[in-house]
Structure formats: structure tokens, C-alpha cells
Amino acid sequence: MTDKKPTDGMRPEYDLTGGVRGKYYERYQQGTNIVLLEPDLARVFRDSGSVNKALRVYLAEHGEPPPSKARKAG
């Protein structure tokens, strides 16, 4: 053991062996759409698949809503 501190700022227990740099870079660049559900809805819609299915059924029955006047972020 030595009293010398690592120069790269990484702790020895952070083993990144096998990691792939930039693995999700392209997906990140495409953007994301995060929606937070209220707790009661999150108990019913537990994953994105169930939310997407419900929204498609809703749109099939009610049509697409008019465009929002809210500014798109980004």
C-alpha cells in the first residue's frame, strides 16, 4: 500500500473493465420522452408497453388531440 492518491480520480473499486465507451451515444442523441405517472396510474401501467398500448387504444377511439401550445423543449 502507498499513501499516493490516484491521479485519474477513479477509486480502485470502480472496475470498468469490459465497458464500452459511447455505447448509448446515438440513442441519447435521438432524445428521450420521459413522462412521470401519478402513483395510482403507475400501479396499473407498470411499463412503457402497457402505457403505449393504452394510448393507442385511446387514440383509435378518440382521434389525435389538437397540437399543444406549450413550447417544445430542446
PDB file of N, CA and C in Angstrom:
ATOM      1  N   MET A   1       0.829  -1.183   0.000  1.00  0.00           N
ATOM      2  CA  MET A   1       0.000   0.000   0.000  1.00  0.00           C
ATOM      3  C   MET A   1       0.873   1.246   0.000  1.00  0.00           C
ATOM      4  N   THR A   2       0.387   2.231  -0.632  1.00  0.00           N
ATOM      5  CA  THR A   2       1.092   3.506  -0.683  1.00  0.00           C
ATOM      6  C   THR A   2       0.131   4.625  -0.312  1.00  0.00           C
ATOM      7  N   ASP A   3       0.645   5.711   0.159  1.00  0.00           N
ATOM      8  CA  ASP A   3      -0.181   6.854   0.529  1.00  0.00           C
ATOM      9  C   ASP A   3      -0.484   7.736  -0.674  1.00  0.00           C
ATOM     10  N   LYS A   4       0.059   7.367  -1.811  1.00  0.00           N
ATOM     11  CA  LYS A   4      -0.129   8.152  -3.033  1.00  0.00           C
ATOM     12  C   LYS A   4      -1.572   8.011  -3.520  1.00  0.00           C
ATOM     13  N   LYS A   5      -2.213   9.150  -3.840  1.00  0.00           N
ATOM     14  CA  LYS A   5      -3.593   9.124  -4.322  1.00  0.00           C
ATOM     15  C   LYS A   5      -3.599   8.894  -5.832  1.00  0.00           C
ATOM     16  N   PRO A   6      -4.644   8.231  -6.336  1.00  0.00           N
ATOM     17  CA  PRO A   6      -4.728   8.029  -7.785  1.00  0.00           C
ATOM     18  C   PRO A   6      -4.793   9.368  -8.512  1.00  0.00           C
ATOM     19  N   THR A   7      -4.157   9.426  -9.667  1.00  0.00           N
ATOM     20  CA  THR A   7      -4.129  10.679 -10.429  1.00  0.00           C
ATOM     21  C   THR A   7      -5.350  10.845 -11.322  1.00  0.00           C
ATOM     22  N   ASP A   8      -6.071   9.757 -11.627  1.00  0.00           N
ATOM     23  CA  ASP A   8      -7.215   9.865 -12.526  1.00  0.00           C
ATOM     24  C   ASP A   8      -8.534  10.107 -11.797  1.00  0.00           C
ATOM     25  N   GLY A   9      -8.538  10.126 -10.468  1.00  0.00           N
ATOM     26  CA  GLY A   9      -9.750  10.377  -9.716  1.00  0.00           C
ATOM     27  C   GLY A   9     -10.658   9.175  -9.554  1.00  0.00           C
ATOM     28  N   MET A  10     -10.293   8.052 -10.113  1.00  0.00           N
ATOM     29  CA  MET A  10     -11.115   6.845 -10.004  1.00  0.00           C
ATOM     30  C   MET A  10     -10.672   6.021  -8.803  1.00  0.00           C
ATOM     31  N   ARG A  11     -11.631   5.504  -8.086  1.00  0.00           N
ATOM     32  CA  ARG A  11     -11.330   4.620  -6.976  1.00  0.00           C
ATOM     33  C   ARG A  11     -11.031   3.229  -7.516  1.00  0.00           C
ATOM     34  N   PRO A  12     -10.168   2.483  -6.813  1.00  0.00           N
ATOM     35  CA  PRO A  12      -9.827   1.134  -7.283  1.00  0.00           C
ATOM     36  C   PRO A  12     -11.041   0.216  -7.404  1.00  0.00           C
ATOM     37  N   GLU A  13     -12.075   0.438  -6.585  1.00  0.00           N
ATOM     38  CA  GLU A  13     -13.252  -0.446  -6.637  1.00  0.00           C
ATOM     39  C   GLU A  13     -14.159  -0.168  -7.836  1.00  0.00           C
ATOM     40  N   TYR A  14     -13.906   0.896  -8.565  1.00  0.00           N
ATOM     41  CA  TYR A  14     -14.668   1.179  -9.779  1.00  0.00           C
ATOM     42  C   TYR A  14     -13.993   0.481 -10.948  1.00  0.00           C
ATOM     43  N   ASP A  15     -14.396  -0.744 -11.181  1.00  0.00           N
ATOM     44  CA  ASP A  15     -13.792  -1.546 -12.249  1.00  0.00           C
ATOM     45  C   ASP A  15     -14.623  -1.402 -13.515  1.00  0.00           C
ATOM     46  N   LEU A  16     -14.097  -0.709 -14.490  1.00  0.00           N
ATOM     47  CA  LEU A  16     -14.812  -0.506 -15.750  1.00  0.00           C
ATOM     48  C   LEU A  16     -14.302  -1.432 -16.854  1.00  0.00           C
ATOM     49  N   THR A  17     -13.606  -2.482 -16.456  1.00  0.00           N
ATOM     50  CA  THR A  17     -13.101  -3.448 -17.419  1.00  0.00           C
ATOM     51  C   THR A  17     -14.273  -4.025 -18.207  1.00  0.00           C
ATOM     52  N   GLY A  18     -14.169  -4.030 -19.491  1.00  0.00           N
ATOM     53  CA  GLY A  18     -15.234  -4.576 -20.333  1.00  0.00           C
ATOM     54  C   GLY A  18     -16.272  -3.539 -20.732  1.00  0.00           C
ATOM     55  N   GLY A  19     -16.152  -2.331 -20.202  1.00  0.00           N
ATOM     56  CA  GLY A  19     -17.087  -1.271 -20.563  1.00  0.00           C
ATOM     57  C   GLY A  19     -16.865  -0.829 -22.003  1.00  0.00           C
ATOM     58  N   VAL A  20     -17.896  -0.300 -22.616  1.00  0.00           N
ATOM     59  CA  VAL A  20     -17.821   0.159 -23.995  1.00  0.00           C
ATOM     60  C   VAL A  20     -18.098   1.657 -24.015  1.00  0.00           C
ATOM     61  N   ARG A  21     -17.117   2.437 -24.392  1.00  0.00           N
ATOM     62  CA  ARG A  21     -17.271   3.889 -24.435  1.00  0.00           C
ATOM     63  C   ARG A  21     -18.239   4.284 -25.542  1.00  0.00           C
ATOM     64  N   GLY A  22     -19.217   5.108 -25.186  1.00  0.00           N
ATOM     65  CA  GLY A  22     -20.165   5.626 -26.169  1.00  0.00           C
ATOM     66  C   GLY A  22     -21.217   4.632 -26.621  1.00  0.00           C
ATOM     67  N   LYS A  23     -21.438   3.566 -25.860  1.00  0.00           N
ATOM     68  CA  LYS A  23     -22.364   2.504 -26.265  1.00  0.00           C
ATOM     69  C   LYS A  23     -23.767   3.047 -26.554  1.00  0.00           C
ATOM     70  N   TYR A  24     -24.246   3.997 -25.764  1.00  0.00           N
ATOM     71  CA  TYR A  24     -25.592   4.523 -25.924  1.00  0.00           C
ATOM     72  C   TYR A  24     -25.604   5.942 -26.485  1.00  0.00           C
ATOM     73  N   TYR A  25     -24.493   6.382 -27.029  1.00  0.00           N
ATOM     74  CA  TYR A  25     -24.373   7.760 -27.513  1.00  0.00           C
ATOM     75  C   TYR A  25     -25.418   8.086 -28.579  1.00  0.00           C
ATOM     76  N   GLU A  26     -25.565   7.236 -29.583  1.00  0.00           N
ATOM     77  CA  GLU A  26     -26.518   7.521 -30.660  1.00  0.00           C
ATOM     78  C   GLU A  26     -27.947   7.555 -30.143  1.00  0.00           C
ATOM     79  N   ARG A  27     -28.289   6.625 -29.278  1.00  0.00           N
ATOM     80  CA  ARG A  27     -29.638   6.598 -28.716  1.00  0.00           C
ATOM     81  C   ARG A  27     -29.887   7.865 -27.901  1.00  0.00           C
ATOM     82  N   TYR A  28     -28.893   8.308 -27.149  1.00  0.00           N
ATOM     83  CA  TYR A  28     -29.019   9.525 -26.355  1.00  0.00           C
ATOM     84  C   TYR A  28     -29.228  10.737 -27.266  1.00  0.00           C
ATOM     85  N   GLN A  29     -28.523  10.777 -28.379  1.00  0.00           N
ATOM     86  CA  GLN A  29     -28.635  11.895 -29.309  1.00  0.00           C
ATOM     87  C   GLN A  29     -30.035  11.974 -29.920  1.00  0.00           C
ATOM     88  N   GLN A  30     -30.739  10.842 -30.010  1.00  0.00           N
ATOM     89  CA  GLN A  30     -32.082  10.835 -30.572  1.00  0.00           C
ATOM     90  C   GLN A  30     -33.086  11.501 -29.637  1.00  0.00           C
ATOM     91  N   GLY A  31     -32.718  11.640 -28.391  1.00  0.00           N
ATOM     92  CA  GLY A  31     -33.593  12.268 -27.407  1.00  0.00           C
ATOM     93  C   GLY A  31     -34.418  11.238 -26.670  1.00  0.00           C
ATOM     94  N   THR A  32     -35.143  11.717 -25.722  1.00  0.00           N
ATOM     95  CA  THR A  32     -35.982  10.842 -24.918  1.00  0.00           C
ATOM     96  C   THR A  32     -37.248  11.581 -24.550  1.00  0.00           C
ATOM     97  N   ASN A  33     -38.247  10.850 -24.169  1.00  0.00           N
ATOM     98  CA  ASN A  33     -39.514  11.431 -23.774  1.00  0.00           C
ATOM     99  C   ASN A  33     -39.924  10.770 -22.470  1.00  0.00           C
ATOM    100  N   ILE A  34     -39.609  11.417 -21.373  1.00  0.00           N
ATOM    101  CA  ILE A  34     -39.915  10.864 -20.059  1.00  0.00           C
ATOM    102  C   ILE A  34     -41.212  11.476 -19.570  1.00  0.00           C
ATOM    103  N   VAL A  35     -42.118  10.621 -19.139  1.00  0.00           N
ATOM    104  CA  VAL A  35     -43.389  11.060 -18.588  1.00  0.00           C
ATOM    105  C   VAL A  35     -43.503  10.470 -17.188  1.00  0.00           C
ATOM    106  N   LEU A  36     -43.820  11.300 -16.220  1.00  0.00           N
ATOM    107  CA  LEU A  36     -43.972  10.829 -14.852  1.00  0.00           C
ATOM    108  C   LEU A  36     -45.443  10.550 -14.586  1.00  0.00           C
ATOM    109  N   LEU A  37     -45.722   9.343 -14.119  1.00  0.00           N
ATOM    110  CA  LEU A  37     -47.094   8.954 -13.815  1.00  0.00           C
ATOM    111  C   LEU A  37     -47.382   9.178 -12.343  1.00  0.00           C
ATOM    112  N   GLU A  38     -48.621   9.525 -12.056  1.00  0.00           N
ATOM    113  CA  GLU A  38     -49.064   9.598 -10.670  1.00  0.00           C
ATOM    114  C   GLU A  38     -49.022   8.181 -10.090  1.00  0.00           C
ATOM    115  N   PRO A  39     -48.826   8.053  -8.773  1.00  0.00           N
ATOM    116  CA  PRO A  39     -48.680   6.728  -8.158  1.00  0.00           C
ATOM    117  C   PRO A  39     -49.820   5.752  -8.469  1.00  0.00           C
ATOM    118  N   ASP A  40     -51.067   6.238  -8.498  1.00  0.00           N
ATOM    119  CA  ASP A  40     -52.181   5.333  -8.776  1.00  0.00           C
ATOM    120  C   ASP A  40     -52.122   4.783 -10.191  1.00  0.00           C
ATOM    121  N   LEU A  41     -51.675   5.601 -11.147  1.00  0.00           N
ATOM    122  CA  LEU A  41     -51.541   5.129 -12.527  1.00  0.00           C
ATOM    123  C   LEU A  41     -50.324   4.224 -12.685  1.00  0.00           C
ATOM    124  N   ALA A  42     -49.254   4.517 -11.960  1.00  0.00           N
ATOM    125  CA  ALA A  42     -48.043   3.697 -12.044  1.00  0.00           C
ATOM    126  C   ALA A  42     -48.300   2.284 -11.536  1.00  0.00           C
ATOM    127  N   ARG A  43     -49.266   2.119 -10.641  1.00  0.00           N
ATOM    128  CA  ARG A  43     -49.603   0.764 -10.168  1.00  0.00           C
ATOM    129  C   ARG A  43     -50.269  -0.057 -11.271  1.00  0.00           C
ATOM    130  N   VAL A  44     -50.955   0.615 -12.187  1.00  0.00           N
ATOM    131  CA  VAL A  44     -51.656  -0.070 -13.279  1.00  0.00           C
ATOM    132  C   VAL A  44     -50.756  -0.204 -14.498  1.00  0.00           C
ATOM    133  N   PHE A  45     -50.107   0.895 -14.874  1.00  0.00           N
ATOM    134  CA  PHE A  45     -49.242   0.916 -16.049  1.00  0.00           C
ATOM    135  C   PHE A  45     -47.800   0.770 -15.584  1.00  0.00           C
ATOM    136  N   ARG A  46     -47.330  -0.451 -15.496  1.00  0.00           N
ATOM    137  CA  ARG A  46     -46.033  -0.747 -14.880  1.00  0.00           C
ATOM    138  C   ARG A  46     -44.853  -0.666 -15.830  1.00  0.00           C
ATOM    139  N   ASP A  47     -45.119  -0.532 -17.129  1.00  0.00           N
ATOM    140  CA  ASP A  47     -44.013  -0.443 -18.087  1.00  0.00           C
ATOM    141  C   ASP A  47     -44.462   0.365 -19.298  1.00  0.00           C
ATOM    142  N   SER A  48     -43.506   0.721 -20.133  1.00  0.00           N
ATOM    143  CA  SER A  48     -43.825   1.562 -21.286  1.00  0.00           C
ATOM    144  C   SER A  48     -44.743   0.852 -22.275  1.00  0.00           C
ATOM    145  N   GLY A  49     -44.647  -0.463 -22.359  1.00  0.00           N
ATOM    146  CA  GLY A  49     -45.508  -1.208 -23.276  1.00  0.00           C
ATOM    147  C   GLY A  49     -46.981  -1.053 -22.943  1.00  0.00           C
ATOM    148  N   SER A  50     -47.315  -1.128 -21.657  1.00  0.00           N
ATOM    149  CA  SER A  50     -48.725  -1.001 -21.261  1.00  0.00           C
ATOM    150  C   SER A  50     -49.230   0.427 -21.469  1.00  0.00           C
ATOM    151  N   VAL A  51     -48.380   1.399 -21.249  1.00  0.00           N
ATOM    152  CA  VAL A  51     -48.763   2.793 -21.481  1.00  0.00           C
ATOM    153  C   VAL A  51     -48.987   3.029 -22.975  1.00  0.00           C
ATOM    154  N   ASN A  52     -48.068   2.547 -23.804  1.00  0.00           N
ATOM    155  CA  ASN A  52     -48.196   2.723 -25.253  1.00  0.00           C
ATOM    156  C   ASN A  52     -49.463   2.056 -25.778  1.00  0.00           C
ATOM    157  N   LYS A  53     -49.752   0.869 -25.294  1.00  0.00           N
ATOM    158  CA  LYS A  53     -50.950   0.151 -25.741  1.00  0.00           C
ATOM    159  C   LYS A  53     -52.209   0.938 -25.376  1.00  0.00           C
ATOM    160  N   ALA A  54     -52.281   1.420 -24.144  1.00  0.00           N
ATOM    161  CA  ALA A  54     -53.448   2.178 -23.696  1.00  0.00           C
ATOM    162  C   ALA A  54     -53.606   3.466 -24.502  1.00  0.00           C
ATOM    163  N   LEU A  55     -52.505   4.141 -24.771  1.00  0.00           N
ATOM    164  CA  LEU A  55     -52.581   5.380 -25.549  1.00  0.00           C
ATOM    165  C   LEU A  55     -53.014   5.113 -26.991  1.00  0.00           C
ATOM    166  N   ARG A  56     -52.582   4.008 -27.564  1.00  0.00           N
ATOM    167  CA  ARG A  56     -53.000   3.676 -28.940  1.00  0.00           C
ATOM    168  C   ARG A  56     -54.499   3.367 -28.993  1.00  0.00           C
ATOM    169  N   VAL A  57     -55.000   2.666 -27.979  1.00  0.00           N
ATOM    170  CA  VAL A  57     -56.441   2.395 -27.907  1.00  0.00           C
ATOM    171  C   VAL A  57     -57.204   3.708 -27.777  1.00  0.00           C
ATOM    172  N   TYR A  58     -56.722   4.576 -26.910  1.00  0.00           N
ATOM    173  CA  TYR A  58     -57.368   5.879 -26.721  1.00  0.00           C
ATOM    174  C   TYR A  58     -57.402   6.669 -28.026  1.00  0.00           C
ATOM    175  N   LEU A  59     -56.270   6.733 -28.717  1.00  0.00           N
ATOM    176  CA  LEU A  59     -56.216   7.473 -29.976  1.00  0.00           C
ATOM    177  C   LEU A  59     -57.114   6.860 -31.041  1.00  0.00           C
ATOM    178  N   ALA A  60     -57.200   5.537 -31.075  1.00  0.00           N
ATOM    179  CA  ALA A  60     -58.066   4.872 -32.055  1.00  0.00           C
ATOM    180  C   ALA A  60     -59.535   5.236 -31.807  1.00  0.00           C
ATOM    181  N   GLU A  61     -59.904   5.408 -30.544  1.00  0.00           N
ATOM    182  CA  GLU A  61     -61.285   5.715 -30.199  1.00  0.00           C
ATOM    183  C   GLU A  61     -61.599   7.209 -30.243  1.00  0.00           C
ATOM    184  N   HIS A  62     -60.628   8.060 -29.936  1.00  0.00           N
ATOM    185  CA  HIS A  62     -60.890   9.488 -29.788  1.00  0.00           C
ATOM    186  C   HIS A  62     -60.168  10.370 -30.797  1.00  0.00           C
ATOM    187  N   GLY A  63     -59.265   9.825 -31.556  1.00  0.00           N
ATOM    188  CA  GLY A  63     -58.502  10.624 -32.504  1.00  0.00           C
ATOM    189  C   GLY A  63     -57.362  11.355 -31.809  1.00  0.00           C
ATOM    190  N   GLU A  64     -56.553  11.966 -32.635  1.00  0.00           N
ATOM    191  CA  GLU A  64     -55.386  12.673 -32.117  1.00  0.00           C
ATOM    192  C   GLU A  64     -55.815  14.024 -31.550  1.00  0.00           C
ATOM    193  N   PRO A  65     -55.298  14.387 -30.379  1.00  0.00           N
ATOM    194  CA  PRO A  65     -55.661  15.692 -29.810  1.00  0.00           C
ATOM    195  C   PRO A  65     -55.050  16.827 -30.621  1.00  0.00           C
ATOM    196  N   PRO A  66     -55.618  18.018 -30.500  1.00  0.00           N
ATOM    197  CA  PRO A  66     -55.042  19.163 -31.228  1.00  0.00           C
ATOM    198  C   PRO A  66     -53.639  19.462 -30.695  1.00  0.00           C
ATOM    199  N   PRO A  67     -52.810  20.118 -31.514  1.00  0.00           N
ATOM    200  CA  PRO A  67     -51.447  20.430 -31.077  1.00  0.00           C
ATOM    201  C   PRO A  67     -51.453  21.287 -29.819  1.00  0.00           C
ATOM    202  N   SER A  68     -50.507  21.015 -28.959  1.00  0.00           N
ATOM    203  CA  SER A  68     -50.358  21.778 -27.727  1.00  0.00           C
ATOM    204  C   SER A  68     -49.714  23.123 -28.009  1.00  0.00           C
ATOM    205  N   LYS A  69     -50.079  24.121 -27.256  1.00  0.00           N
ATOM    206  CA  LYS A  69     -49.465  25.439 -27.420  1.00  0.00           C
ATOM    207  C   LYS A  69     -48.204  25.553 -26.592  1.00  0.00           C
ATOM    208  N   ALA A  70     -47.909  24.519 -25.787  1.00  0.00           N
ATOM    209  CA  ALA A  70     -46.690  24.527 -24.977  1.00  0.00           C
ATOM    210  C   ALA A  70     -45.479  24.431 -25.881  1.00  0.00           C
ATOM    211  N   ARG A  71     -44.431  25.149 -25.526  1.00  0.00           N
ATOM    212  CA  ARG A  71     -43.190  25.129 -26.310  1.00  0.00           C
ATOM    213  C   ARG A  71     -42.470  23.815 -26.117  1.00  0.00           C
ATOM    214  N   LYS A  72     -41.993  23.263 -27.197  1.00  0.00           N
ATOM    215  CA  LYS A  72     -41.215  22.029 -27.138  1.00  0.00           C
ATOM    216  C   LYS A  72     -39.817  22.342 -26.613  1.00  0.00           C
ATOM    217  N   ALA A  73     -39.385  21.567 -25.606  1.00  0.00           N
ATOM    218  CA  ALA A  73     -38.050  21.770 -25.040  1.00  0.00           C
ATOM    219  C   ALA A  73     -37.000  21.266 -25.990  1.00  0.00           C
ATOM    220  N   GLY A  74     -35.849  21.892 -25.966  1.00  0.00           N
ATOM    221  CA  GLY A  74     -34.728  21.377 -26.735  1.00  0.00           C
ATOM    222  C   GLY A  74     -34.380  22.271 -27.813  1.00  0.00           C
TER     223      GLY A  74
END
